Amino acid sequence: MSKEKRRFPRIYLPANPEETDRLADVSFLFEGLGPTPILDISLKGLCIRRVAAIHSEIVRRDGRPIKFGLEFLGLGLGEFEGRVVRTTEDAIAFEFTQLGAEAHKLLSCYFEMRSRGLQTRFVSPQFYAPEQDFTHWFHGPGDTNVFVWLQDKAIRRFVVEFDYGTLNFENAKLTLATSRADLTRATEDYTHYVTVETRGSTMPEASFVRRVIELLEQIPDEREIISLLVETLKCHDSSLKA
C-alpha cells in the first residue's frame, strides 16, 4: 500500500542501520533486551527490525498480544500492547491493541512533532513576495518553513525554520541561529520578513541538524528539491556528530 493511500500516515525511519542508530528518536523495548530499531510507526501500529529473541517470544505467544515499551526522545517512556500482524525475514509489524491515556498522549505528541514534514507543502511562486529572491518555498504547521535558492539546478542556499530555530546553508557552510521575534507573524506576511540572523543557539547544532533531516525526509516533493537538501546536510558529517 502506498504512503498516500494509508488511513494512518506513517513516519519512516532510515533503513540504513548506521543512520537509524544516529537519527531514530523512538526505540522499542522488550523484556530486558536492548533498544530495537523501529522502521516505521503510525497511530495504529509500528514495524521493527526482526530480532531473534523477540521473534521466539512471538512464536511462543501464539497470536496473543505482547506488552512492550516505546521510549520517545524528549518525551519519555510509555507502556504499549500490540499483536503481530506480519513477519518477514527482516521485520516484525505490530498493531496496537490497547492504548492507555499516557501511552496515547505520548504517541500523539510524538506523531504531531514528527508529522510536520508530512503536512509541509510546496507554495506556488505566485504567492512569493516580490522582494524575495528564493526559488522554492515549502510551508508547514507551526511556522515550519523551507526556503531554497536554486541556481543551475544546484543548491546555492537554503534556510530551514521550525521550533524557533533557523538552519542556514550558504557558501558550503551551516549556521544555526535563533529565529527573530518578528518572524512570528501571520503566515501570509511571512515572506516579507525572512531574514537570518546569526545568534547564540540554545540547542546543540548536531541535534538540530538531525531533526532538520528527519523533517525534510517526510516532506512530499515531486520536484526532488528536498532530496538535494538532505544529501547536502548528510555530506556535512562533522556537523552530525553528537
Protein backbone atom coordinates (compact mmCIF):
# COMPACT_ATOMS: atom_id res chain seq x y z
CA MET A 1 0.00 0.00 0.00
CA SER A 2 1.37 3.42 -0.91
CA LYS A 3 2.08 6.03 1.74
CA GLU A 4 -0.55 8.34 0.22
CA LYS A 5 -3.37 5.78 0.50
CA ARG A 6 -2.80 4.84 4.13
CA ARG A 7 -5.57 5.75 6.55
CA PHE A 8 -2.94 6.40 9.22
CA PRO A 9 0.13 8.21 7.79
CA ARG A 10 3.40 6.59 8.81
CA ILE A 11 6.68 8.08 9.92
CA TYR A 12 9.53 6.23 8.25
CA LEU A 13 12.93 5.96 9.92
CA PRO A 14 16.15 5.49 7.90
CA ALA A 15 16.70 1.99 6.52
CA ASN A 16 20.49 2.12 6.89
CA PRO A 17 21.40 0.67 10.34
CA GLU A 18 24.07 3.32 10.98
CA GLU A 19 21.65 6.12 10.15
CA THR A 20 18.94 4.51 12.28
CA ASP A 21 21.28 4.42 15.28
CA ARG A 22 22.08 8.05 14.75
CA LEU A 23 18.73 9.52 13.78
CA ALA A 24 15.96 7.45 15.37
CA ASP A 25 14.21 9.23 18.24
CA VAL A 26 11.97 6.37 19.34
CA SER A 27 13.02 2.89 20.48
CA PHE A 28 11.23 -0.44 21.00
CA LEU A 29 11.94 -2.06 24.40
CA PHE A 30 11.00 -5.66 25.22
CA GLU A 31 11.72 -7.81 28.29
CA GLY A 32 15.16 -6.51 29.16
CA LEU A 33 16.51 -6.53 25.61
CA GLY A 34 18.41 -3.51 24.34
CA PRO A 35 16.58 -0.91 22.23
CA THR A 36 15.38 -2.37 18.93
CA PRO A 37 15.36 -0.08 15.85
CA ILE A 38 11.92 0.91 14.57
CA LEU A 39 11.44 1.03 10.80
CA ASP A 40 8.13 2.90 10.75
CA ILE A 41 5.40 3.96 13.15
CA SER A 42 1.84 5.27 12.93
CA LEU A 43 -1.06 5.91 15.28
CA LYS A 44 -2.21 2.36 14.59
CA GLY A 45 0.99 0.34 14.90
CA LEU A 46 4.68 0.00 14.14
CA CYS A 47 7.26 -2.14 12.41
CA ILE A 48 10.60 -3.13 13.97
CA ARG A 49 13.73 -4.88 12.80
CA ARG A 50 13.42 -8.62 13.33
CA VAL A 51 15.38 -9.77 16.37
CA ALA A 52 15.68 -13.49 17.13
CA ALA A 53 14.73 -13.20 20.82
CA ILE A 54 11.60 -11.18 20.05
CA HIS A 55 10.57 -13.50 17.22
CA SER A 56 10.95 -16.53 19.50
CA GLU A 57 8.66 -14.92 22.07
CA ILE A 58 6.11 -14.16 19.36
CA VAL A 59 6.05 -17.81 18.32
CA ARG A 60 5.64 -18.85 21.97
CA ARG A 61 2.71 -16.46 22.50
CA ASP A 62 0.90 -17.98 19.50
CA GLY A 63 -1.00 -14.87 18.46
CA ARG A 64 -1.63 -13.41 21.90
CA PRO A 65 -0.90 -9.67 22.41
CA ILE A 66 2.58 -8.68 23.59
CA LYS A 67 3.40 -5.87 26.03
CA PHE A 68 6.37 -3.66 25.18
CA GLY A 69 7.75 -0.21 25.85
CA LEU A 70 8.32 2.69 23.49
CA GLU A 71 10.84 5.32 24.54
CA PHE A 72 10.45 8.69 22.84
CA LEU A 73 13.43 11.03 22.88
CA GLY A 74 12.49 14.15 24.84
CA LEU A 75 9.03 12.82 25.70
CA GLY A 76 9.55 9.77 27.91
CA LEU A 77 8.77 6.05 28.14
CA GLY A 78 5.33 4.53 27.66
CA GLU A 79 3.85 1.04 28.00
CA PHE A 80 2.11 -0.39 24.94
CA GLU A 81 0.41 -3.59 23.88
CA GLY A 82 0.14 -4.99 20.37
CA ARG A 83 -0.42 -8.08 18.29
CA VAL A 84 1.77 -9.24 15.43
CA VAL A 85 0.13 -8.73 12.05
CA ARG A 86 3.08 -9.52 9.78
CA THR A 87 6.58 -11.01 9.91
CA THR A 88 9.29 -11.16 7.24
CA GLU A 89 12.94 -12.19 7.25
CA ASP A 90 13.90 -8.64 8.25
CA ALA A 91 10.93 -7.12 10.10
CA ILE A 92 8.05 -7.64 12.53
CA ALA A 93 4.90 -5.50 12.31
CA PHE A 94 2.61 -4.84 15.29
CA GLU A 95 -0.88 -3.39 15.54
CA PHE A 96 -1.67 -1.61 18.82
CA THR A 97 -4.40 -3.45 20.73
CA GLN A 98 -4.59 -1.29 23.85
CA LEU A 99 -3.52 2.30 24.41
CA GLY A 100 -3.73 3.77 27.90
CA ALA A 101 -4.20 7.50 28.35
CA GLU A 102 -0.50 8.19 28.91
CA ALA A 103 0.58 5.96 26.01
CA HIS A 104 -1.90 7.63 23.69
CA LYS A 105 -0.70 11.07 24.78
CA LEU A 106 2.95 10.14 24.18
CA LEU A 107 2.20 8.70 20.76
CA SER A 108 0.06 11.67 19.73
CA CYS A 109 2.67 14.21 20.86
CA TYR A 110 5.43 12.32 19.06
CA PHE A 111 3.41 11.92 15.89
CA GLU A 112 2.41 15.59 15.84
CA MET A 113 6.05 16.57 16.25
CA ARG A 114 7.32 14.19 13.58
CA SER A 115 4.46 14.57 11.10
CA ARG A 116 5.13 18.23 10.41
CA GLY A 117 7.05 17.20 7.34
CA LEU A 118 4.11 15.16 6.06
CA GLN A 119 1.98 18.30 6.26
CA THR A 120 4.57 20.63 4.73
CA ARG A 121 3.82 21.56 1.14
CA PHE A 122 5.35 23.46 -1.75
CA VAL A 123 3.99 27.01 -2.06
CA SER A 124 3.27 28.28 -5.56
CA PRO A 125 5.62 31.10 -6.67
CA GLN A 126 2.61 33.33 -7.29
CA PHE A 127 2.40 33.80 -3.51
CA TYR A 128 6.05 34.85 -3.05
CA ALA A 129 6.72 38.45 -2.06
CA PRO A 130 8.28 40.46 -4.92
CA GLU A 131 11.33 41.42 -2.85
CA GLN A 132 12.25 37.82 -2.08
CA ASP A 133 14.62 36.01 -4.43
CA PHE A 134 14.34 32.39 -3.28
CA THR A 135 13.26 29.93 -5.97
CA HIS A 136 11.31 27.43 -3.82
CA TRP A 137 9.28 27.70 -0.62
CA PHE A 138 7.76 24.89 1.45
CA HIS A 139 5.44 25.78 4.34
CA GLY A 140 4.07 23.61 7.15
CA PRO A 141 2.43 23.71 10.60
CA GLY A 142 3.88 25.75 13.44
CA ASP A 143 5.60 28.25 11.14
CA THR A 144 7.71 25.49 9.61
CA ASN A 145 9.38 26.88 6.50
CA VAL A 146 11.97 25.72 3.99
CA PHE A 147 13.38 28.35 1.62
CA VAL A 148 15.63 27.29 -1.26
CA TRP A 149 17.80 29.27 -3.64
CA LEU A 150 18.49 27.08 -6.68
CA GLN A 151 20.95 28.09 -9.39
CA ASP A 152 21.65 25.98 -12.49
CA LYS A 153 19.97 23.00 -10.78
CA ALA A 154 22.39 23.28 -7.85
CA ILE A 155 21.72 24.41 -4.28
CA ARG A 156 23.15 27.89 -3.73
CA ARG A 157 21.50 28.45 -0.36
CA PHE A 158 18.68 27.12 1.80
CA VAL A 159 17.08 28.06 5.11
CA VAL A 160 15.02 25.77 7.34
CA GLU A 161 12.98 27.25 10.19
CA PHE A 162 10.98 25.40 12.82
CA ASP A 163 10.69 25.31 16.61
CA TYR A 164 12.22 28.81 16.77
CA GLY A 165 15.46 27.54 15.28
CA THR A 166 16.96 28.59 11.96
CA LEU A 167 19.39 26.49 9.94
CA ASN A 168 21.10 28.40 7.15
CA PHE A 169 23.27 26.80 4.46
CA GLU A 170 25.27 29.18 2.31
CA ASN A 171 28.76 29.14 0.78
CA ALA A 172 29.13 25.47 1.81
CA LYS A 173 28.69 26.44 5.48
CA LEU A 174 25.97 25.63 8.01
CA THR A 175 24.86 28.27 10.51
CA LEU A 176 22.41 27.70 13.35
CA ALA A 177 20.60 30.66 14.85
CA THR A 178 17.52 31.50 16.87
CA SER A 179 14.63 32.99 14.92
CA ARG A 180 13.93 36.68 15.15
CA ALA A 181 10.92 37.57 17.24
CA ASP A 182 9.31 39.48 14.38
CA LEU A 183 9.17 36.28 12.31
CA THR A 184 6.22 35.10 14.39
CA ARG A 185 3.73 36.91 12.18
CA ALA A 186 0.72 35.86 10.17
CA THR A 187 1.65 33.31 7.52
CA GLU A 188 0.51 35.47 4.61
CA ASP A 189 3.04 38.14 5.60
CA TYR A 190 5.86 35.75 6.38
CA THR A 191 7.85 36.10 3.18
CA HIS A 192 8.23 39.83 3.76
CA TYR A 193 10.28 39.21 6.88
CA VAL A 194 12.51 36.25 6.08
CA THR A 195 15.92 37.24 7.38
CA VAL A 196 18.51 35.00 9.01
CA GLU A 197 20.48 36.50 11.87
CA THR A 198 23.35 34.60 13.48
CA ARG A 199 22.82 34.46 17.23
CA GLY A 200 23.77 32.10 20.01
CA SER A 201 21.87 28.85 19.72
CA THR A 202 20.01 27.33 22.67
CA MET A 203 20.35 23.78 21.31
CA PRO A 204 23.30 21.63 20.15
CA GLU A 205 23.89 22.10 16.43
CA ALA A 206 24.24 18.39 15.67
CA SER A 207 20.94 17.61 17.39
CA PHE A 208 19.09 20.31 15.47
CA VAL A 209 20.62 19.26 12.13
CA ARG A 210 19.40 15.70 12.74
CA ARG A 211 15.91 16.97 13.46
CA VAL A 212 16.00 19.06 10.28
CA ILE A 213 16.98 15.97 8.27
CA GLU A 214 14.12 14.00 9.83
CA LEU A 215 11.74 16.84 8.99
CA LEU A 216 12.93 17.10 5.39
CA GLU A 217 12.74 13.35 4.78
CA GLN A 218 9.00 13.49 5.47
CA ILE A 219 8.18 16.32 3.03
CA PRO A 220 6.37 15.24 -0.17
CA ASP A 221 8.26 16.75 -3.10
CA GLU A 222 7.81 15.66 -6.71
CA ARG A 223 10.40 18.26 -7.75
CA GLU A 224 13.13 16.37 -5.84
CA ILE A 225 14.43 19.61 -4.38
CA ILE A 226 14.16 18.36 -0.81
CA SER A 227 16.30 15.30 -1.55
CA LEU A 228 19.10 17.66 -2.60
CA LEU A 229 18.89 19.41 0.77
CA VAL A 230 19.02 16.12 2.67
CA GLU A 231 22.00 14.96 0.63
CA THR A 232 23.77 18.26 1.29
CA LEU A 233 23.22 18.05 5.05
CA LYS A 234 24.36 14.44 5.25
CA CYS A 235 27.59 15.38 3.48
CA HIS A 236 28.45 17.62 6.43
CA ASP A 237 29.45 14.72 8.68
CA SER A 238 31.27 16.94 11.15
CA SER A 239 28.00 18.74 11.90
CA LEU A 240 26.18 15.46 12.52
CA LYS A 241 28.48 14.09 15.19
CA ALA A 242 26.88 14.02 18.63
